Structures are given as structure tokens and as C-alpha cells.
Amino acid sequence: MLSKEELEREREEARLRVQRDESIRQKAARLYAEEGFKKGKEEGRKEVLVESIHRFQRGLKRDVTPPEHLQVLSVEELRALLDQLLQDALNARTS
């Protein structure tokens, strides 16, 4: 049989484990939410870049790259492509 002190100690340890487990769950939920937000933000950024690329391609009377081909590119690669299209549009304007 457990003494009163041992029983109290076990209860306190159980309470602390529950607190620790809940803290870990909350931290994990925050991390997952942040990752989801970052991923959604990047996907949204990509979508805007793809739409801009398509606008420039149409404006320059070029074939429009299928979205699925552009979606596999990184944000940096999409920006570089958009910068090149912008430069081409500026050059066409001055010619």
C-alpha cells in the first residue's frame, strides 16, 4: 500500500506529465500551423507569379506555358522568368 506522501508524489508527477504533454502538443500544433501558413503563402506567391508570366506571354504574343510546367519551378526561378519577360516587353516597346 502506498503512503499518503507517495500517493501525493505520484499525483503530482502525473499532473506534471499531463502539463508537459499538453505543452508539447500545443508546440507541435503551432509548428504545423506555421508550416502550413508558409506553404500556403509560397503557393499563393507562385500563383501570382504564374498569372503575371501568362499576362506577359500573351502580351508579347508568345505561347503560354502550361501552369503545371511553371508550378514545379521555385519562386526564384519564376521571378527570373518574369524579369526576363519584363525586359523583353521593355525592349519590344523601345524597338
PDB file of N, CA and C in Angstrom:
ATOM      1  N   MET A   1       0.835  -1.171   0.000  1.00  0.00           N
ATOM      2  CA  MET A   1       0.000   0.000   0.000  1.00  0.00           C
ATOM      3  C   MET A   1       0.887   1.243   0.000  1.00  0.00           C
ATOM      4  N   LEU A   2       0.422   2.265  -0.730  1.00  0.00           N
ATOM      5  CA  LEU A   2       1.191   3.497  -0.827  1.00  0.00           C
ATOM      6  C   LEU A   2       0.905   4.408   0.355  1.00  0.00           C
ATOM      7  N   SER A   3       1.950   5.053   0.817  1.00  0.00           N
ATOM      8  CA  SER A   3       1.755   6.022   1.890  1.00  0.00           C
ATOM      9  C   SER A   3       1.118   7.281   1.306  1.00  0.00           C
ATOM     10  N   LYS A   4       0.622   8.118   2.165  1.00  0.00           N
ATOM     11  CA  LYS A   4      -0.014   9.361   1.735  1.00  0.00           C
ATOM     12  C   LYS A   4       0.961  10.222   0.938  1.00  0.00           C
ATOM     13  N   GLU A   5       2.224  10.286   1.362  1.00  0.00           N
ATOM     14  CA  GLU A   5       3.233  11.075   0.670  1.00  0.00           C
ATOM     15  C   GLU A   5       3.526  10.509  -0.717  1.00  0.00           C
ATOM     16  N   GLU A   6       3.618   9.169  -0.801  1.00  0.00           N
ATOM     17  CA  GLU A   6       3.881   8.547  -2.100  1.00  0.00           C
ATOM     18  C   GLU A   6       2.719   8.764  -3.063  1.00  0.00           C
ATOM     19  N   LEU A   7       1.523   8.670  -2.554  1.00  0.00           N
ATOM     20  CA  LEU A   7       0.343   8.903  -3.371  1.00  0.00           C
ATOM     21  C   LEU A   7       0.306  10.345  -3.879  1.00  0.00           C
ATOM     22  N   GLU A   8       0.606  11.283  -3.023  1.00  0.00           N
ATOM     23  CA  GLU A   8       0.658  12.695  -3.418  1.00  0.00           C
ATOM     24  C   GLU A   8       1.746  12.936  -4.461  1.00  0.00           C
ATOM     25  N   ARG A   9       2.922  12.309  -4.257  1.00  0.00           N
ATOM     26  CA  ARG A   9       4.021  12.452  -5.209  1.00  0.00           C
ATOM     27  C   ARG A   9       3.623  11.897  -6.576  1.00  0.00           C
ATOM     28  N   GLU A  10       2.977  10.743  -6.610  1.00  0.00           N
ATOM     29  CA  GLU A  10       2.538  10.156  -7.871  1.00  0.00           C
ATOM     30  C   GLU A  10       1.503  11.042  -8.562  1.00  0.00           C
ATOM     31  N   ARG A  11       0.596  11.588  -7.806  1.00  0.00           N
ATOM     32  CA  ARG A  11      -0.406  12.506  -8.376  1.00  0.00           C
ATOM     33  C   ARG A  11       0.263  13.737  -8.975  1.00  0.00           C
ATOM     34  N   GLU A  12       1.220  14.288  -8.240  1.00  0.00           N
ATOM     35  CA  GLU A  12       1.935  15.472  -8.731  1.00  0.00           C
ATOM     36  C   GLU A  12       2.727  15.139  -9.999  1.00  0.00           C
ATOM     37  N   GLU A  13       3.389  13.987 -10.028  1.00  0.00           N
ATOM     38  CA  GLU A  13       4.131  13.576 -11.220  1.00  0.00           C
ATOM     39  C   GLU A  13       3.191  13.381 -12.408  1.00  0.00           C
ATOM     40  N   ALA A  14       2.030  12.787 -12.161  1.00  0.00           N
ATOM     41  CA  ALA A  14       1.047  12.583 -13.235  1.00  0.00           C
ATOM     42  C   ALA A  14       0.550  13.930 -13.747  1.00  0.00           C
ATOM     43  N   ARG A  15       0.293  14.868 -12.837  1.00  0.00           N
ATOM     44  CA  ARG A  15      -0.162  16.201 -13.228  1.00  0.00           C
ATOM     45  C   ARG A  15       0.893  16.901 -14.078  1.00  0.00           C
ATOM     46  N   LEU A  16       2.160  16.783 -13.703  1.00  0.00           N
ATOM     47  CA  LEU A  16       3.253  17.396 -14.446  1.00  0.00           C
ATOM     48  C   LEU A  16       3.410  16.746 -15.830  1.00  0.00           C
ATOM     49  N   ARG A  17       3.221  15.419 -15.914  1.00  0.00           N
ATOM     50  CA  ARG A  17       3.298  14.739 -17.218  1.00  0.00           C
ATOM     51  C   ARG A  17       2.191  15.233 -18.147  1.00  0.00           C
ATOM     52  N   VAL A  18       1.007  15.395 -17.600  1.00  0.00           N
ATOM     53  CA  VAL A  18      -0.118  15.894 -18.405  1.00  0.00           C
ATOM     54  C   VAL A  18       0.181  17.306 -18.893  1.00  0.00           C
ATOM     55  N   GLN A  19       0.700  18.157 -18.031  1.00  0.00           N
ATOM     56  CA  GLN A  19       1.060  19.522 -18.422  1.00  0.00           C
ATOM     57  C   GLN A  19       2.126  19.516 -19.507  1.00  0.00           C
ATOM     58  N   ARG A  20       3.155  18.690 -19.315  1.00  0.00           N
ATOM     59  CA  ARG A  20       4.237  18.609 -20.291  1.00  0.00           C
ATOM     60  C   ARG A  20       3.713  18.094 -21.632  1.00  0.00           C
ATOM     61  N   ASP A  21       2.883  17.058 -21.605  1.00  0.00           N
ATOM     62  CA  ASP A  21       2.323  16.506 -22.838  1.00  0.00           C
ATOM     63  C   ASP A  21       1.467  17.546 -23.559  1.00  0.00           C
ATOM     64  N   GLU A  22       0.685  18.284 -22.816  1.00  0.00           N
ATOM     65  CA  GLU A  22      -0.160  19.321 -23.424  1.00  0.00           C
ATOM     66  C   GLU A  22       0.694  20.429 -24.021  1.00  0.00           C
ATOM     67  N   SER A  23       1.756  20.795 -23.331  1.00  0.00           N
ATOM     68  CA  SER A  23       2.666  21.814 -23.847  1.00  0.00           C
ATOM     69  C   SER A  23       3.306  21.348 -25.155  1.00  0.00           C
ATOM     70  N   ILE A  24       3.712  20.101 -25.198  1.00  0.00           N
ATOM     71  CA  ILE A  24       4.313  19.542 -26.412  1.00  0.00           C
ATOM     72  C   ILE A  24       3.286  19.534 -27.543  1.00  0.00           C
ATOM     73  N   ARG A  25       2.056  19.134 -27.251  1.00  0.00           N
ATOM     74  CA  ARG A  25       1.007  19.127 -28.283  1.00  0.00           C
ATOM     75  C   ARG A  25       0.758  20.524 -28.825  1.00  0.00           C
ATOM     76  N   GLN A  26       0.724  21.510 -27.940  1.00  0.00           N
ATOM     77  CA  GLN A  26       0.496  22.889 -28.380  1.00  0.00           C
ATOM     78  C   GLN A  26       1.650  23.393 -29.253  1.00  0.00           C
ATOM     79  N   LYS A  27       2.878  23.088 -28.872  1.00  0.00           N
ATOM     80  CA  LYS A  27       4.037  23.494 -29.677  1.00  0.00           C
ATOM     81  C   LYS A  27       3.987  22.830 -31.052  1.00  0.00           C
ATOM     82  N   ALA A  28       3.658  21.543 -31.090  1.00  0.00           N
ATOM     83  CA  ALA A  28       3.573  20.825 -32.366  1.00  0.00           C
ATOM     84  C   ALA A  28       2.476  21.436 -33.238  1.00  0.00           C
ATOM     85  N   ALA A  29       1.347  21.763 -32.652  1.00  0.00           N
ATOM     86  CA  ALA A  29       0.248  22.367 -33.420  1.00  0.00           C
ATOM     87  C   ALA A  29       0.671  23.714 -33.993  1.00  0.00           C
ATOM     88  N   ARG A  30       1.389  24.513 -33.194  1.00  0.00           N
ATOM     89  CA  ARG A  30       1.871  25.808 -33.697  1.00  0.00           C
ATOM     90  C   ARG A  30       2.842  25.616 -34.859  1.00  0.00           C
ATOM     91  N   LEU A  31       3.761  24.656 -34.716  1.00  0.00           N
ATOM     92  CA  LEU A  31       4.726  24.401 -35.784  1.00  0.00           C
ATOM     93  C   LEU A  31       4.030  23.950 -37.063  1.00  0.00           C
ATOM     94  N   TYR A  32       3.057  23.045 -36.939  1.00  0.00           N
ATOM     95  CA  TYR A  32       2.323  22.592 -38.122  1.00  0.00           C
ATOM     96  C   TYR A  32       1.559  23.747 -38.752  1.00  0.00           C
ATOM     97  N   ALA A  33       0.960  24.590 -37.935  1.00  0.00           N
ATOM     98  CA  ALA A  33       0.213  25.734 -38.460  1.00  0.00           C
ATOM     99  C   ALA A  33       1.152  26.694 -39.188  1.00  0.00           C
ATOM    100  N   GLU A  34       2.315  26.962 -38.591  1.00  0.00           N
ATOM    101  CA  GLU A  34       3.286  27.855 -39.233  1.00  0.00           C
ATOM    102  C   GLU A  34       3.762  27.280 -40.556  1.00  0.00           C
ATOM    103  N   GLU A  35       4.040  25.976 -40.582  1.00  0.00           N
ATOM    104  CA  GLU A  35       4.486  25.337 -41.822  1.00  0.00           C
ATOM    105  C   GLU A  35       3.397  25.429 -42.880  1.00  0.00           C
ATOM    106  N   GLY A  36       2.153  25.183 -42.472  1.00  0.00           N
ATOM    107  CA  GLY A  36       1.035  25.282 -43.413  1.00  0.00           C
ATOM    108  C   GLY A  36       0.886  26.686 -43.952  1.00  0.00           C
ATOM    109  N   PHE A  37       1.051  27.675 -43.067  1.00  0.00           N
ATOM    110  CA  PHE A  37       0.955  29.074 -43.491  1.00  0.00           C
ATOM    111  C   PHE A  37       2.056  29.409 -44.486  1.00  0.00           C
ATOM    112  N   LYS A  38       3.289  28.975 -44.175  1.00  0.00           N
ATOM    113  CA  LYS A  38       4.417  29.247 -45.073  1.00  0.00           C
ATOM    114  C   LYS A  38       4.198  28.594 -46.428  1.00  0.00           C
ATOM    115  N   LYS A  39       3.728  27.355 -46.400  1.00  0.00           N
ATOM    116  CA  LYS A  39       3.493  26.640 -47.654  1.00  0.00           C
ATOM    117  C   LYS A  39       2.380  27.329 -48.444  1.00  0.00           C
ATOM    118  N   GLY A  40       1.315  27.697 -47.771  1.00  0.00           N
ATOM    119  CA  GLY A  40       0.221  28.393 -48.446  1.00  0.00           C
ATOM    120  C   GLY A  40       0.657  29.736 -48.995  1.00  0.00           C
ATOM    121  N   LYS A  41       1.486  30.424 -48.240  1.00  0.00           N
ATOM    122  CA  LYS A  41       1.996  31.723 -48.678  1.00  0.00           C
ATOM    123  C   LYS A  41       2.848  31.569 -49.935  1.00  0.00           C
ATOM    124  N   GLU A  42       3.711  30.547 -49.947  1.00  0.00           N
ATOM    125  CA  GLU A  42       4.560  30.320 -51.119  1.00  0.00           C
ATOM    126  C   GLU A  42       3.718  29.903 -52.324  1.00  0.00           C
ATOM    127  N   GLU A  43       2.723  29.051 -52.097  1.00  0.00           N
ATOM    128  CA  GLU A  43       1.854  28.641 -53.197  1.00  0.00           C
ATOM    129  C   GLU A  43       1.091  29.840 -53.752  1.00  0.00           C
ATOM    130  N   GLY A  44       0.640  30.719 -52.867  1.00  0.00           N
ATOM    131  CA  GLY A  44      -0.048  31.929 -53.310  1.00  0.00           C
ATOM    132  C   GLY A  44       0.878  32.828 -54.105  1.00  0.00           C
ATOM    133  N   ARG A  45       2.117  32.945 -53.650  1.00  0.00           N
ATOM    134  CA  ARG A  45       3.116  33.743 -54.350  1.00  0.00           C
ATOM    135  C   ARG A  45       3.367  33.163 -55.738  1.00  0.00           C
ATOM    136  N   LYS A  46       3.479  31.837 -55.809  1.00  0.00           N
ATOM    137  CA  LYS A  46       3.693  31.178 -57.094  1.00  0.00           C
ATOM    138  C   LYS A  46       2.525  31.438 -58.033  1.00  0.00           C
ATOM    139  N   GLU A  47       1.318  31.367 -57.492  1.00  0.00           N
ATOM    140  CA  GLU A  47       0.129  31.577 -58.317  1.00  0.00           C
ATOM    141  C   GLU A  47       0.129  32.972 -58.935  1.00  0.00           C
ATOM    142  N   VAL A  48       0.475  33.961 -58.153  1.00  0.00           N
ATOM    143  CA  VAL A  48       0.537  35.337 -58.659  1.00  0.00           C
ATOM    144  C   VAL A  48       1.613  35.458 -59.728  1.00  0.00           C
ATOM    145  N   LEU A  49       2.767  34.849 -59.497  1.00  0.00           N
ATOM    146  CA  LEU A  49       3.852  34.902 -60.486  1.00  0.00           C
ATOM    147  C   LEU A  49       3.450  34.202 -61.785  1.00  0.00           C
ATOM    148  N   VAL A  50       2.795  33.062 -61.685  1.00  0.00           N
ATOM    149  CA  VAL A  50       2.358  32.329 -62.879  1.00  0.00           C
ATOM    150  C   VAL A  50       1.363  33.177 -63.670  1.00  0.00           C
ATOM    151  N   GLU A  51       0.423  33.807 -62.979  1.00  0.00           N
ATOM    152  CA  GLU A  51      -0.549  34.671 -63.663  1.00  0.00           C
ATOM    153  C   GLU A  51       0.153  35.836 -64.357  1.00  0.00           C
ATOM    154  N   SER A  52       1.135  36.428 -63.720  1.00  0.00           N
ATOM    155  CA  SER A  52       1.880  37.539 -64.323  1.00  0.00           C
ATOM    156  C   SER A  52       2.667  37.070 -65.539  1.00  0.00           C
ATOM    157  N   ILE A  53       3.285  35.915 -65.422  1.00  0.00           N
ATOM    158  CA  ILE A  53       4.035  35.357 -66.547  1.00  0.00           C
ATOM    159  C   ILE A  53       3.099  35.139 -67.733  1.00  0.00           C
ATOM    160  N   HIS A  54       1.928  34.573 -67.466  1.00  0.00           N
ATOM    161  CA  HIS A  54       0.959  34.349 -68.547  1.00  0.00           C
ATOM    162  C   HIS A  54       0.526  35.661 -69.195  1.00  0.00           C
ATOM    163  N   ARG A  55       0.310  36.699 -68.391  1.00  0.00           N
ATOM    164  CA  ARG A  55      -0.073  38.004 -68.947  1.00  0.00           C
ATOM    165  C   ARG A  55       1.011  38.546 -69.883  1.00  0.00           C
ATOM    166  N   PHE A  56       2.252  38.475 -69.443  1.00  0.00           N
ATOM    167  CA  PHE A  56       3.354  38.961 -70.285  1.00  0.00           C
ATOM    168  C   PHE A  56       3.498  38.113 -71.542  1.00  0.00           C
ATOM    169  N   GLN A  57       3.365  36.797 -71.395  1.00  0.00           N
ATOM    170  CA  GLN A  57       3.486  35.938 -72.576  1.00  0.00           C
ATOM    171  C   GLN A  57       2.397  36.268 -73.598  1.00  0.00           C
ATOM    172  N   ARG A  58       1.171  36.466 -73.136  1.00  0.00           N
ATOM    173  CA  ARG A  58       0.087  36.835 -74.051  1.00  0.00           C
ATOM    174  C   ARG A  58       0.349  38.198 -74.666  1.00  0.00           C
ATOM    175  N   GLY A  59       0.806  39.151 -73.842  1.00  0.00           N
ATOM    176  CA  GLY A  59       1.100  40.495 -74.333  1.00  0.00           C
ATOM    177  C   GLY A  59       2.208  40.508 -75.376  1.00  0.00           C
ATOM    178  N   LEU A  60       3.152  39.613 -75.218  1.00  0.00           N
ATOM    179  CA  LEU A  60       4.261  39.506 -76.182  1.00  0.00           C
ATOM    180  C   LEU A  60       3.916  38.562 -77.339  1.00  0.00           C
ATOM    181  N   LYS A  61       2.668  38.083 -77.341  1.00  0.00           N
ATOM    182  CA  LYS A  61       2.173  37.160 -78.380  1.00  0.00           C
ATOM    183  C   LYS A  61       3.037  35.885 -78.465  1.00  0.00           C
ATOM    184  N   ARG A  62       3.347  35.367 -77.291  1.00  0.00           N
ATOM    185  CA  ARG A  62       4.118  34.129 -77.193  1.00  0.00           C
ATOM    186  C   ARG A  62       3.197  33.003 -76.728  1.00  0.00           C
ATOM    187  N   ASP A  63       3.652  31.789 -76.941  1.00  0.00           N
ATOM    188  CA  ASP A  63       2.895  30.653 -76.418  1.00  0.00           C
ATOM    189  C   ASP A  63       2.870  30.752 -74.893  1.00  0.00           C
ATOM    190  N   VAL A  64       1.710  30.446 -74.324  1.00  0.00           N
ATOM    191  CA  VAL A  64       1.561  30.488 -72.867  1.00  0.00           C
ATOM    192  C   VAL A  64       2.003  29.141 -72.299  1.00  0.00           C
ATOM    193  N   THR A  65       2.942  29.187 -71.382  1.00  0.00           N
ATOM    194  CA  THR A  65       3.450  27.981 -70.737  1.00  0.00           C
ATOM    195  C   THR A  65       2.361  27.373 -69.862  1.00  0.00           C
ATOM    196  N   PRO A  66       2.108  26.085 -69.983  1.00  0.00           N
ATOM    197  CA  PRO A  66       1.090  25.457 -69.134  1.00  0.00           C
ATOM    198  C   PRO A  66       1.401  25.672 -67.647  1.00  0.00           C
ATOM    199  N   PRO A  67       0.383  25.969 -66.866  1.00  0.00           N
ATOM    200  CA  PRO A  67       0.610  26.228 -65.427  1.00  0.00           C
ATOM    201  C   PRO A  67       1.338  25.093 -64.719  1.00  0.00           C
ATOM    202  N   GLU A  68       1.040  23.856 -65.089  1.00  0.00           N
ATOM    203  CA  GLU A  68       1.690  22.729 -64.396  1.00  0.00           C
ATOM    204  C   GLU A  68       3.192  22.702 -64.661  1.00  0.00           C
ATOM    205  N   HIS A  69       3.638  23.279 -65.774  1.00  0.00           N
ATOM    206  CA  HIS A  69       5.084  23.354 -66.033  1.00  0.00           C
ATOM    207  C   HIS A  69       5.731  24.449 -65.188  1.00  0.00           C
ATOM    208  N   LEU A  70       4.974  25.501 -64.930  1.00  0.00           N
ATOM    209  CA  LEU A  70       5.517  26.601 -64.133  1.00  0.00           C
ATOM    210  C   LEU A  70       5.467  26.300 -62.640  1.00  0.00           C
ATOM    211  N   GLN A  71       4.456  25.561 -62.199  1.00  0.00           N
ATOM    212  CA  GLN A  71       4.292  25.284 -60.767  1.00  0.00           C
ATOM    213  C   GLN A  71       5.444  24.481 -60.179  1.00  0.00           C
ATOM    214  N   VAL A  72       6.165  23.737 -61.023  1.00  0.00           N
ATOM    215  CA  VAL A  72       7.282  22.937 -60.490  1.00  0.00           C
ATOM    216  C   VAL A  72       8.529  23.789 -60.264  1.00  0.00           C
ATOM    217  N   LEU A  73       8.532  25.012 -60.795  1.00  0.00           N
ATOM    218  CA  LEU A  73       9.676  25.906 -60.620  1.00  0.00           C
ATOM    219  C   LEU A  73       9.628  26.549 -59.241  1.00  0.00           C
ATOM    220  N   SER A  74      10.782  26.953 -58.756  1.00  0.00           N
ATOM    221  CA  SER A  74      10.844  27.649 -57.467  1.00  0.00           C
ATOM    222  C   SER A  74      10.381  29.099 -57.658  1.00  0.00           C
ATOM    223  N   VAL A  75      10.103  29.767 -56.564  1.00  0.00           N
ATOM    224  CA  VAL A  75       9.705  31.175 -56.615  1.00  0.00           C
ATOM    225  C   VAL A  75      10.809  31.994 -57.281  1.00  0.00           C
ATOM    226  N   GLU A  76      12.052  31.684 -56.973  1.00  0.00           N
ATOM    227  CA  GLU A  76      13.174  32.427 -57.564  1.00  0.00           C
ATOM    228  C   GLU A  76      13.228  32.227 -59.076  1.00  0.00           C
ATOM    229  N   GLU A  77      13.013  30.993 -59.519  1.00  0.00           N
ATOM    230  CA  GLU A  77      13.024  30.717 -60.957  1.00  0.00           C
ATOM    231  C   GLU A  77      11.862  31.421 -61.665  1.00  0.00           C
ATOM    232  N   LEU A  78      10.706  31.437 -61.019  1.00  0.00           N
ATOM    233  CA  LEU A  78       9.553  32.140 -61.599  1.00  0.00           C
ATOM    234  C   LEU A  78       9.824  33.640 -61.693  1.00  0.00           C
ATOM    235  N   ARG A  79      10.429  34.189 -60.646  1.00  0.00           N
ATOM    236  CA  ARG A  79      10.765  35.624 -60.674  1.00  0.00           C
ATOM    237  C   ARG A  79      11.757  35.931 -61.795  1.00  0.00           C
ATOM    238  N   ALA A  80      12.737  35.052 -61.983  1.00  0.00           N
ATOM    239  CA  ALA A  80      13.723  35.256 -63.046  1.00  0.00           C
ATOM    240  C   ALA A  80      13.046  35.223 -64.411  1.00  0.00           C
ATOM    241  N   LEU A  81      12.129  34.294 -64.599  1.00  0.00           N
ATOM    242  CA  LEU A  81      11.398  34.215 -65.860  1.00  0.00           C
ATOM    243  C   LEU A  81      10.557  35.468 -66.076  1.00  0.00           C
ATOM    244  N   LEU A  82       9.894  35.920 -65.020  1.00  0.00           N
ATOM    245  CA  LEU A  82       9.088  37.137 -65.121  1.00  0.00           C
ATOM    246  C   LEU A  82       9.966  38.355 -65.414  1.00  0.00           C
ATOM    247  N   ASP A  83      11.117  38.435 -64.782  1.00  0.00           N
ATOM    248  CA  ASP A  83      12.048  39.536 -65.054  1.00  0.00           C
ATOM    249  C   ASP A  83      12.491  39.536 -66.518  1.00  0.00           C
ATOM    250  N   GLN A  84      12.757  38.345 -67.055  1.00  0.00           N
ATOM    251  CA  GLN A  84      13.162  38.243 -68.456  1.00  0.00           C
ATOM    252  C   GLN A  84      12.026  38.692 -69.383  1.00  0.00           C
ATOM    253  N   LEU A  85      10.807  38.282 -69.068  1.00  0.00           N
ATOM    254  CA  LEU A  85       9.660  38.700 -69.878  1.00  0.00           C
ATOM    255  C   LEU A  85       9.456  40.212 -69.798  1.00  0.00           C
ATOM    256  N   LEU A  86       9.639  40.774 -68.618  1.00  0.00           N
ATOM    257  CA  LEU A  86       9.524  42.221 -68.456  1.00  0.00           C
ATOM    258  C   LEU A  86      10.572  42.933 -69.299  1.00  0.00           C
ATOM    259  N   GLN A  87      11.793  42.427 -69.267  1.00  0.00           N
ATOM    260  CA  GLN A  87      12.865  43.016 -70.070  1.00  0.00           C
ATOM    261  C   GLN A  87      12.538  42.913 -71.558  1.00  0.00           C
ATOM    262  N   ASP A  88      12.008  41.752 -71.980  1.00  0.00           N
ATOM    263  CA  ASP A  88      11.619  41.572 -73.375  1.00  0.00           C
ATOM    264  C   ASP A  88      10.515  42.554 -73.764  1.00  0.00           C
ATOM    265  N   ALA A  89       9.570  42.778 -72.855  1.00  0.00           N
ATOM    266  CA  ALA A  89       8.483  43.714 -73.138  1.00  0.00           C
ATOM    267  C   ALA A  89       9.010  45.135 -73.249  1.00  0.00           C
ATOM    268  N   LEU A  90       9.938  45.493 -72.393  1.00  0.00           N
ATOM    269  CA  LEU A  90      10.538  46.845 -72.467  1.00  0.00           C
ATOM    270  C   LEU A  90      11.327  47.004 -73.745  1.00  0.00           C
ATOM    271  N   ASN A  91      12.082  45.992 -74.130  1.00  0.00           N
ATOM    272  CA  ASN A  91      12.854  46.045 -75.379  1.00  0.00           C
ATOM    273  C   ASN A  91      11.937  46.144 -76.596  1.00  0.00           C
ATOM    274  N   ALA A  92      10.820  45.414 -76.563  1.00  0.00           N
ATOM    275  CA  ALA A  92       9.886  45.464 -77.687  1.00  0.00           C
ATOM    276  C   ALA A  92       9.238  46.843 -77.795  1.00  0.00           C
ATOM    277  N   ARG A  93       9.050  47.475 -76.696  1.00  0.00           N
ATOM    278  CA  ARG A  93       8.439  48.801 -76.663  1.00  0.00           C
ATOM    279  C   ARG A  93       9.347  49.858 -77.245  1.00  0.00           C
ATOM    280  N   THR A  94      10.638  49.725 -77.026  1.00  0.00           N
ATOM    281  CA  THR A  94      11.585  50.725 -77.498  1.00  0.00           C
ATOM    282  C   THR A  94      12.037  50.457 -78.933  1.00  0.00           C
ATOM    283  N   SER A  95      11.681  49.295 -79.459  1.00  0.00           N
ATOM    284  CA  SER A  95      12.089  48.967 -80.847  1.00  0.00           C
ATOM    285  C   SER A  95      11.143  49.554 -81.862  1.00  0.00           C
TER     286      SER A  95
END
